């Protein structure tokens, strides 16, 4: 198993816990991550960053996921599916992780921890997010000529 994959598994555990209870204090979360990463400083920093970033941007991420999950509300989704998608969406939208890597890692995690239908469901929503996020800005005609819209 790749080391970053292991870091994501640890983050998933914390996100799951934060979804059903109050999130741990930052110090307790940091200690949990450190103990699981067994002194690997770079991986600890990566996991801390993904966890804190996912929590920080949860409202924005949830808005995107709710919009893209046609016929589903976030509250109806399995807790594991929802949190794997939150983590991957955070990585796609707010981190330096390449989007395709975030989607692939999410699918690998959900194959391990979700049910038999989870991989297709998670992949479909994250693929839509990735395509939307990577879409070029729309071209707008102005009096001065053609330009890309900053809103795209």
N, C-alpha and C. Protein backbone atom coordinates (compact mmCIF):
# COMPACT_ATOMS: atom_id res chain seq x y z
N UNK A 1 0.85 -1.17 0.00
CA UNK A 1 0.00 0.00 0.00
C UNK A 1 0.90 1.24 0.00
N UNK A 2 0.53 2.23 -0.84
CA UNK A 2 1.33 3.44 -0.87
C UNK A 2 1.19 4.18 0.46
N UNK A 3 2.20 4.94 0.79
CA UNK A 3 2.20 5.65 2.06
C UNK A 3 1.14 6.73 2.10
N UNK A 4 0.94 7.45 1.00
CA UNK A 4 -0.11 8.47 0.97
C UNK A 4 -1.49 7.81 1.06
N UNK A 5 -1.63 6.64 0.51
CA UNK A 5 -2.91 5.93 0.64
C UNK A 5 -3.18 5.62 2.10
N UNK A 6 -2.14 5.19 2.82
CA UNK A 6 -2.30 4.93 4.24
C UNK A 6 -2.67 6.22 4.99
N UNK A 7 -2.06 7.33 4.61
CA UNK A 7 -2.39 8.62 5.23
C UNK A 7 -3.86 8.96 4.97
N UNK A 8 -4.34 8.69 3.76
CA UNK A 8 -5.74 8.96 3.45
C UNK A 8 -6.68 8.06 4.25
N UNK A 9 -6.28 6.82 4.48
CA UNK A 9 -7.09 5.93 5.32
C UNK A 9 -7.24 6.50 6.73
N UNK A 10 -6.17 7.02 7.25
CA UNK A 10 -6.20 7.61 8.59
C UNK A 10 -7.10 8.85 8.59
N UNK A 11 -6.98 9.67 7.57
CA UNK A 11 -7.84 10.85 7.46
C UNK A 11 -9.30 10.42 7.34
N UNK A 12 -9.57 9.39 6.58
CA UNK A 12 -10.94 8.89 6.45
C UNK A 12 -11.50 8.49 7.81
N UNK A 13 -10.69 7.83 8.63
CA UNK A 13 -11.14 7.46 9.97
C UNK A 13 -11.55 8.69 10.77
N UNK A 14 -10.73 9.73 10.71
CA UNK A 14 -11.03 10.96 11.44
C UNK A 14 -12.26 11.68 10.88
N UNK A 15 -12.40 11.69 9.56
CA UNK A 15 -13.57 12.33 8.94
C UNK A 15 -14.85 11.58 9.29
N UNK A 16 -14.78 10.27 9.27
CA UNK A 16 -15.94 9.46 9.65
C UNK A 16 -16.34 9.80 11.08
N UNK A 17 -15.37 9.79 11.95
CA UNK A 17 -15.62 10.10 13.35
C UNK A 17 -16.22 11.51 13.50
N UNK A 18 -15.67 12.49 12.79
CA UNK A 18 -16.17 13.86 12.87
C UNK A 18 -17.57 14.00 12.30
N UNK A 19 -17.95 13.08 11.41
CA UNK A 19 -19.27 13.12 10.80
C UNK A 19 -20.35 12.62 11.76
N UNK A 20 -20.00 11.69 12.63
CA UNK A 20 -21.00 11.13 13.55
C UNK A 20 -20.88 11.71 14.97
N UNK A 21 -19.77 12.38 15.28
CA UNK A 21 -19.54 13.03 16.58
C UNK A 21 -18.96 14.41 16.31
N UNK A 22 -18.63 15.09 17.36
CA UNK A 22 -17.88 16.34 17.21
C UNK A 22 -16.47 15.98 16.76
N UNK A 23 -15.88 16.82 15.90
CA UNK A 23 -14.49 16.54 15.51
C UNK A 23 -13.57 16.60 16.72
N UNK A 24 -12.48 15.86 16.65
CA UNK A 24 -11.48 15.92 17.71
C UNK A 24 -10.86 17.32 17.71
N UNK A 25 -10.26 17.66 18.81
CA UNK A 25 -9.51 18.92 18.84
C UNK A 25 -8.35 18.77 17.86
N UNK A 26 -7.85 19.89 17.33
CA UNK A 26 -6.71 19.79 16.41
C UNK A 26 -5.52 19.05 17.02
N UNK A 27 -5.29 19.24 18.30
CA UNK A 27 -4.17 18.56 18.96
C UNK A 27 -4.40 17.05 19.03
N UNK A 28 -5.63 16.65 19.37
CA UNK A 28 -5.93 15.21 19.43
C UNK A 28 -5.86 14.57 18.04
N UNK A 29 -6.35 15.27 17.03
CA UNK A 29 -6.28 14.75 15.66
C UNK A 29 -4.82 14.61 15.22
N UNK A 30 -4.03 15.62 15.54
CA UNK A 30 -2.60 15.59 15.18
C UNK A 30 -1.91 14.40 15.85
N UNK A 31 -2.21 14.17 17.11
CA UNK A 31 -1.61 13.06 17.84
C UNK A 31 -2.05 11.71 17.27
N UNK A 32 -3.33 11.60 16.91
CA UNK A 32 -3.84 10.38 16.29
C UNK A 32 -3.10 10.09 14.99
N UNK A 33 -2.95 11.13 14.17
CA UNK A 33 -2.25 10.97 12.88
C UNK A 33 -0.80 10.59 13.12
N UNK A 34 -0.13 11.30 14.01
CA UNK A 34 1.29 11.01 14.30
C UNK A 34 1.48 9.58 14.76
N UNK A 35 0.61 9.11 15.63
CA UNK A 35 0.78 7.75 16.15
C UNK A 35 0.58 6.72 15.04
N UNK A 36 -0.31 6.98 14.10
CA UNK A 36 -0.56 6.04 13.00
C UNK A 36 0.52 6.11 11.92
N UNK A 37 1.14 7.29 11.76
CA UNK A 37 2.15 7.46 10.71
C UNK A 37 3.54 7.06 11.20
N UNK A 38 3.65 6.70 12.44
CA UNK A 38 4.87 6.14 13.03
C UNK A 38 6.13 6.96 12.72
N UNK A 39 6.02 8.26 12.95
CA UNK A 39 7.20 9.12 12.82
C UNK A 39 7.53 9.59 11.43
N UNK A 40 6.74 9.24 10.46
CA UNK A 40 7.02 9.70 9.09
C UNK A 40 6.50 11.13 8.95
N UNK A 41 7.40 12.07 9.07
CA UNK A 41 7.08 13.49 9.17
C UNK A 41 6.33 14.01 7.96
N UNK A 42 6.80 13.72 6.77
CA UNK A 42 6.16 14.24 5.56
C UNK A 42 4.74 13.70 5.41
N UNK A 43 4.55 12.42 5.71
CA UNK A 43 3.21 11.83 5.61
C UNK A 43 2.28 12.35 6.70
N UNK A 44 2.84 12.60 7.87
CA UNK A 44 2.05 13.18 8.95
C UNK A 44 1.56 14.57 8.52
N UNK A 45 2.45 15.35 7.96
CA UNK A 45 2.08 16.70 7.49
C UNK A 45 1.02 16.62 6.39
N UNK A 46 1.18 15.67 5.47
CA UNK A 46 0.21 15.49 4.40
C UNK A 46 -1.16 15.15 4.98
N UNK A 47 -1.21 14.18 5.89
CA UNK A 47 -2.48 13.75 6.48
C UNK A 47 -3.12 14.89 7.27
N UNK A 48 -2.33 15.61 8.05
CA UNK A 48 -2.85 16.74 8.81
C UNK A 48 -3.44 17.79 7.89
N UNK A 49 -2.75 18.05 6.79
CA UNK A 49 -3.21 19.04 5.83
C UNK A 49 -4.53 18.63 5.17
N UNK A 50 -4.62 17.39 4.77
CA UNK A 50 -5.86 16.90 4.12
C UNK A 50 -7.01 16.91 5.12
N UNK A 51 -6.76 16.48 6.33
CA UNK A 51 -7.83 16.46 7.34
C UNK A 51 -8.30 17.87 7.66
N UNK A 52 -7.37 18.75 7.99
CA UNK A 52 -7.74 20.12 8.35
C UNK A 52 -8.39 20.84 7.17
N UNK A 53 -7.86 20.64 5.98
CA UNK A 53 -8.42 21.29 4.80
C UNK A 53 -9.82 20.80 4.48
N UNK A 54 -10.04 19.50 4.62
CA UNK A 54 -11.36 18.94 4.36
C UNK A 54 -12.38 19.50 5.34
N UNK A 55 -12.01 19.59 6.60
CA UNK A 55 -12.93 20.17 7.59
C UNK A 55 -13.16 21.66 7.32
N UNK A 56 -12.10 22.37 7.00
CA UNK A 56 -12.20 23.81 6.77
C UNK A 56 -13.11 24.13 5.58
N UNK A 57 -13.00 23.34 4.52
CA UNK A 57 -13.74 23.60 3.29
C UNK A 57 -14.98 22.71 3.14
N UNK A 58 -15.40 22.10 4.23
CA UNK A 58 -16.50 21.12 4.17
C UNK A 58 -17.78 21.71 3.57
N UNK A 59 -18.14 22.93 3.95
CA UNK A 59 -19.37 23.52 3.41
C UNK A 59 -19.29 23.69 1.90
N UNK A 60 -18.18 24.21 1.40
CA UNK A 60 -18.01 24.37 -0.06
C UNK A 60 -18.02 23.01 -0.75
N UNK A 61 -17.29 22.07 -0.19
CA UNK A 61 -17.22 20.72 -0.77
C UNK A 61 -18.61 20.08 -0.78
N UNK A 62 -19.32 20.18 0.33
CA UNK A 62 -20.66 19.58 0.41
C UNK A 62 -21.60 20.21 -0.61
N UNK A 63 -21.49 21.50 -0.81
CA UNK A 63 -22.32 22.18 -1.81
C UNK A 63 -22.09 21.59 -3.21
N UNK A 64 -20.84 21.40 -3.55
CA UNK A 64 -20.50 20.80 -4.85
C UNK A 64 -21.03 19.37 -4.94
N UNK A 65 -20.78 18.58 -3.92
CA UNK A 65 -21.20 17.18 -3.95
C UNK A 65 -22.72 17.06 -4.01
N UNK A 66 -23.42 17.87 -3.24
CA UNK A 66 -24.90 17.82 -3.24
C UNK A 66 -25.45 18.18 -4.62
N UNK A 67 -24.82 19.15 -5.27
CA UNK A 67 -25.28 19.56 -6.60
C UNK A 67 -25.02 18.47 -7.65
N UNK A 68 -23.91 17.78 -7.52
CA UNK A 68 -23.53 16.78 -8.52
C UNK A 68 -24.16 15.41 -8.27
N UNK A 69 -24.62 15.15 -7.08
CA UNK A 69 -25.20 13.85 -6.72
C UNK A 69 -26.69 13.87 -7.05
N UNK A 70 -26.99 13.73 -8.29
CA UNK A 70 -28.38 13.80 -8.77
C UNK A 70 -29.24 12.74 -8.07
N UNK A 71 -30.32 13.20 -7.46
CA UNK A 71 -31.24 12.28 -6.80
C UNK A 71 -30.81 11.82 -5.42
N UNK A 72 -29.71 12.38 -4.92
CA UNK A 72 -29.20 11.98 -3.61
C UNK A 72 -28.96 13.23 -2.77
N UNK A 73 -29.27 13.13 -1.50
CA UNK A 73 -28.84 14.17 -0.56
C UNK A 73 -27.64 13.61 0.19
N UNK A 74 -26.81 14.49 0.70
CA UNK A 74 -25.63 14.02 1.44
C UNK A 74 -26.03 13.17 2.64
N UNK A 75 -27.12 13.55 3.29
CA UNK A 75 -27.53 12.80 4.48
C UNK A 75 -27.99 11.37 4.16
N UNK A 76 -28.41 11.12 2.92
CA UNK A 76 -28.83 9.76 2.53
C UNK A 76 -27.66 8.88 2.11
N UNK A 77 -26.52 9.48 1.86
CA UNK A 77 -25.36 8.71 1.42
C UNK A 77 -24.76 7.95 2.59
N UNK A 78 -24.15 6.83 2.28
CA UNK A 78 -23.41 6.10 3.31
C UNK A 78 -22.31 7.01 3.86
N UNK A 79 -22.07 6.94 5.15
CA UNK A 79 -21.09 7.82 5.79
C UNK A 79 -19.71 7.66 5.16
N UNK A 80 -19.33 6.45 4.86
CA UNK A 80 -18.02 6.22 4.25
C UNK A 80 -17.96 6.83 2.86
N UNK A 81 -18.99 6.62 2.04
CA UNK A 81 -19.01 7.21 0.70
C UNK A 81 -18.88 8.72 0.78
N UNK A 82 -19.68 9.32 1.64
CA UNK A 82 -19.72 10.78 1.78
C UNK A 82 -18.34 11.32 2.17
N UNK A 83 -17.68 10.66 3.09
CA UNK A 83 -16.40 11.19 3.57
C UNK A 83 -15.24 10.90 2.64
N UNK A 84 -15.28 9.81 1.92
CA UNK A 84 -14.28 9.58 0.88
C UNK A 84 -14.42 10.66 -0.20
N UNK A 85 -15.66 10.96 -0.57
CA UNK A 85 -15.88 12.01 -1.59
C UNK A 85 -15.48 13.38 -1.07
N UNK A 86 -15.76 13.66 0.20
CA UNK A 86 -15.35 14.96 0.76
C UNK A 86 -13.83 15.13 0.68
N UNK A 87 -13.11 14.09 1.07
CA UNK A 87 -11.66 14.17 1.06
C UNK A 87 -11.15 14.37 -0.37
N UNK A 88 -11.66 13.58 -1.30
CA UNK A 88 -11.20 13.69 -2.69
C UNK A 88 -11.60 15.04 -3.29
N UNK A 89 -12.80 15.50 -2.99
CA UNK A 89 -13.24 16.80 -3.51
C UNK A 89 -12.37 17.92 -2.96
N UNK A 90 -12.03 17.83 -1.69
CA UNK A 90 -11.11 18.82 -1.13
C UNK A 90 -9.79 18.80 -1.92
N UNK A 91 -9.26 17.61 -2.15
CA UNK A 91 -7.98 17.52 -2.87
C UNK A 91 -8.11 18.07 -4.29
N UNK A 92 -9.21 17.81 -4.96
CA UNK A 92 -9.42 18.31 -6.32
C UNK A 92 -9.51 19.83 -6.33
N UNK A 93 -10.30 20.37 -5.43
CA UNK A 93 -10.62 21.80 -5.46
C UNK A 93 -9.60 22.70 -4.76
N UNK A 94 -8.95 22.21 -3.73
CA UNK A 94 -8.16 23.10 -2.89
C UNK A 94 -6.71 22.70 -2.65
N UNK A 95 -6.28 21.56 -3.15
CA UNK A 95 -4.90 21.14 -2.87
C UNK A 95 -4.12 21.02 -4.18
N UNK A 96 -2.88 20.66 -4.03
CA UNK A 96 -2.01 20.49 -5.21
C UNK A 96 -2.04 19.07 -5.76
N UNK A 97 -2.81 18.19 -5.16
CA UNK A 97 -2.93 16.82 -5.66
C UNK A 97 -3.60 16.85 -7.03
N UNK A 98 -3.02 16.20 -8.03
CA UNK A 98 -3.70 16.14 -9.33
C UNK A 98 -5.09 15.50 -9.17
N UNK A 99 -6.07 16.06 -9.83
CA UNK A 99 -7.44 15.59 -9.69
C UNK A 99 -7.60 14.12 -10.00
N UNK A 100 -6.92 13.64 -11.04
CA UNK A 100 -7.05 12.23 -11.40
C UNK A 100 -6.51 11.33 -10.30
N UNK A 101 -5.47 11.78 -9.61
CA UNK A 101 -4.92 11.01 -8.50
C UNK A 101 -5.93 10.97 -7.35
N UNK A 102 -6.54 12.12 -7.05
CA UNK A 102 -7.53 12.18 -5.97
C UNK A 102 -8.70 11.24 -6.25
N UNK A 103 -9.17 11.22 -7.50
CA UNK A 103 -10.29 10.34 -7.86
C UNK A 103 -9.87 8.89 -7.75
N UNK A 104 -8.71 8.55 -8.29
CA UNK A 104 -8.23 7.17 -8.25
C UNK A 104 -8.07 6.70 -6.81
N UNK A 105 -7.48 7.51 -5.97
CA UNK A 105 -7.29 7.13 -4.57
C UNK A 105 -8.63 6.96 -3.86
N UNK A 106 -9.59 7.81 -4.18
CA UNK A 106 -10.93 7.68 -3.57
C UNK A 106 -11.57 6.36 -3.97
N UNK A 107 -11.45 5.99 -5.22
CA UNK A 107 -12.05 4.74 -5.69
C UNK A 107 -11.37 3.54 -5.03
N UNK A 108 -10.05 3.60 -4.89
CA UNK A 108 -9.35 2.51 -4.21
C UNK A 108 -9.82 2.39 -2.76
N UNK A 109 -9.92 3.52 -2.06
CA UNK A 109 -10.39 3.49 -0.67
C UNK A 109 -11.81 2.97 -0.55
N UNK A 110 -12.68 3.42 -1.43
CA UNK A 110 -14.09 3.02 -1.31
C UNK A 110 -14.28 1.56 -1.70
N UNK A 111 -13.44 1.04 -2.57
CA UNK A 111 -13.51 -0.40 -2.87
C UNK A 111 -13.20 -1.20 -1.61
N UNK A 112 -12.33 -0.68 -0.79
CA UNK A 112 -11.95 -1.39 0.43
C UNK A 112 -12.96 -1.20 1.55
N UNK A 113 -13.54 -0.01 1.66
CA UNK A 113 -14.36 0.31 2.82
C UNK A 113 -15.85 0.51 2.52
N UNK A 114 -16.22 0.61 1.25
CA UNK A 114 -17.62 0.80 0.91
C UNK A 114 -18.31 -0.50 0.58
N UNK A 115 -19.54 -0.39 0.08
CA UNK A 115 -20.24 -1.61 -0.34
C UNK A 115 -20.01 -1.83 -1.83
N UNK A 116 -20.64 -2.84 -2.39
CA UNK A 116 -20.35 -3.22 -3.78
C UNK A 116 -20.74 -2.14 -4.78
N UNK A 117 -21.68 -1.27 -4.46
CA UNK A 117 -22.11 -0.21 -5.37
C UNK A 117 -21.35 1.10 -5.18
N UNK A 118 -20.62 1.20 -4.10
CA UNK A 118 -19.94 2.45 -3.76
C UNK A 118 -18.92 2.92 -4.79
N UNK A 119 -18.06 2.05 -5.32
CA UNK A 119 -17.05 2.55 -6.26
C UNK A 119 -17.65 3.28 -7.47
N UNK A 120 -18.69 2.72 -8.04
CA UNK A 120 -19.31 3.35 -9.20
C UNK A 120 -19.94 4.69 -8.83
N UNK A 121 -20.63 4.72 -7.70
CA UNK A 121 -21.28 5.94 -7.22
C UNK A 121 -20.26 7.04 -6.96
N UNK A 122 -19.23 6.73 -6.19
CA UNK A 122 -18.19 7.69 -5.84
C UNK A 122 -17.46 8.16 -7.09
N UNK A 123 -17.08 7.25 -7.94
CA UNK A 123 -16.36 7.61 -9.16
C UNK A 123 -17.20 8.53 -10.04
N UNK A 124 -18.49 8.24 -10.17
CA UNK A 124 -19.35 9.05 -11.03
C UNK A 124 -19.43 10.50 -10.56
N UNK A 125 -19.64 10.70 -9.27
CA UNK A 125 -19.75 12.05 -8.74
C UNK A 125 -18.41 12.78 -8.83
N UNK A 126 -17.34 12.12 -8.43
CA UNK A 126 -16.03 12.77 -8.47
C UNK A 126 -15.58 13.04 -9.90
N UNK A 127 -15.94 12.17 -10.83
CA UNK A 127 -15.60 12.40 -12.23
C UNK A 127 -16.31 13.66 -12.75
N UNK A 128 -17.57 13.84 -12.38
CA UNK A 128 -18.30 15.06 -12.78
C UNK A 128 -17.64 16.30 -12.19
N UNK A 129 -17.23 16.21 -10.92
CA UNK A 129 -16.56 17.34 -10.28
C UNK A 129 -15.24 17.65 -10.99
N UNK A 130 -14.49 16.63 -11.29
CA UNK A 130 -13.19 16.81 -11.95
C UNK A 130 -13.37 17.45 -13.32
N UNK A 131 -14.34 16.97 -14.08
CA UNK A 131 -14.59 17.54 -15.41
C UNK A 131 -15.02 18.99 -15.30
N UNK A 132 -15.87 19.28 -14.34
CA UNK A 132 -16.33 20.65 -14.14
C UNK A 132 -15.19 21.56 -13.70
N UNK A 133 -14.38 21.08 -12.78
CA UNK A 133 -13.27 21.87 -12.26
C UNK A 133 -12.22 22.13 -13.33
N UNK A 134 -12.00 21.17 -14.21
CA UNK A 134 -10.98 21.31 -15.26
C UNK A 134 -11.50 21.95 -16.54
N UNK A 135 -12.80 22.28 -16.57
CA UNK A 135 -13.37 22.88 -17.78
C UNK A 135 -12.76 24.26 -18.00
N UNK A 136 -12.46 24.58 -19.27
CA UNK A 136 -11.92 25.91 -19.55
C UNK A 136 -12.98 26.99 -19.32
N UNK A 137 -12.53 28.19 -19.03
CA UNK A 137 -13.46 29.30 -18.83
C UNK A 137 -14.22 29.55 -20.12
N UNK A 138 -15.52 29.90 -20.01
CA UNK A 138 -16.30 30.16 -21.22
C UNK A 138 -15.79 31.41 -21.94
N UNK A 139 -15.92 31.41 -23.24
CA UNK A 139 -15.51 32.54 -24.07
C UNK A 139 -16.66 33.52 -24.13
N UNK A 140 -16.36 34.81 -23.90
CA UNK A 140 -17.38 35.84 -23.87
C UNK A 140 -17.04 36.90 -24.90
N UNK A 141 -18.04 37.30 -25.69
CA UNK A 141 -17.84 38.38 -26.66
C UNK A 141 -17.99 39.71 -25.95
N UNK A 142 -17.02 40.59 -26.13
CA UNK A 142 -17.09 41.94 -25.57
C UNK A 142 -16.89 42.94 -26.70
N UNK A 143 -17.08 44.23 -26.40
CA UNK A 143 -16.87 45.25 -27.42
C UNK A 143 -15.42 45.29 -27.87
N UNK A 144 -14.50 44.92 -26.97
CA UNK A 144 -13.07 44.95 -27.30
C UNK A 144 -12.61 43.68 -28.02
N UNK A 145 -13.45 42.67 -28.09
CA UNK A 145 -13.08 41.40 -28.74
C UNK A 145 -13.52 40.23 -27.90
N UNK A 146 -12.86 39.10 -28.10
CA UNK A 146 -13.20 37.86 -27.40
C UNK A 146 -12.25 37.68 -26.23
N UNK A 147 -12.79 37.25 -25.10
CA UNK A 147 -11.94 36.97 -23.93
C UNK A 147 -12.56 35.86 -23.10
N UNK A 148 -11.73 35.26 -22.27
CA UNK A 148 -12.23 34.24 -21.35
C UNK A 148 -12.90 34.92 -20.17
N UNK A 149 -14.02 34.39 -19.77
CA UNK A 149 -14.75 34.92 -18.63
C UNK A 149 -14.05 34.55 -17.35
N UNK A 150 -13.88 35.50 -16.40
CA UNK A 150 -13.26 35.16 -15.12
C UNK A 150 -14.19 34.35 -14.24
N UNK A 151 -15.46 34.27 -14.58
CA UNK A 151 -16.41 33.53 -13.78
C UNK A 151 -16.39 32.04 -14.06
N UNK A 152 -15.74 31.60 -15.14
CA UNK A 152 -15.76 30.20 -15.54
C UNK A 152 -14.94 29.35 -14.73
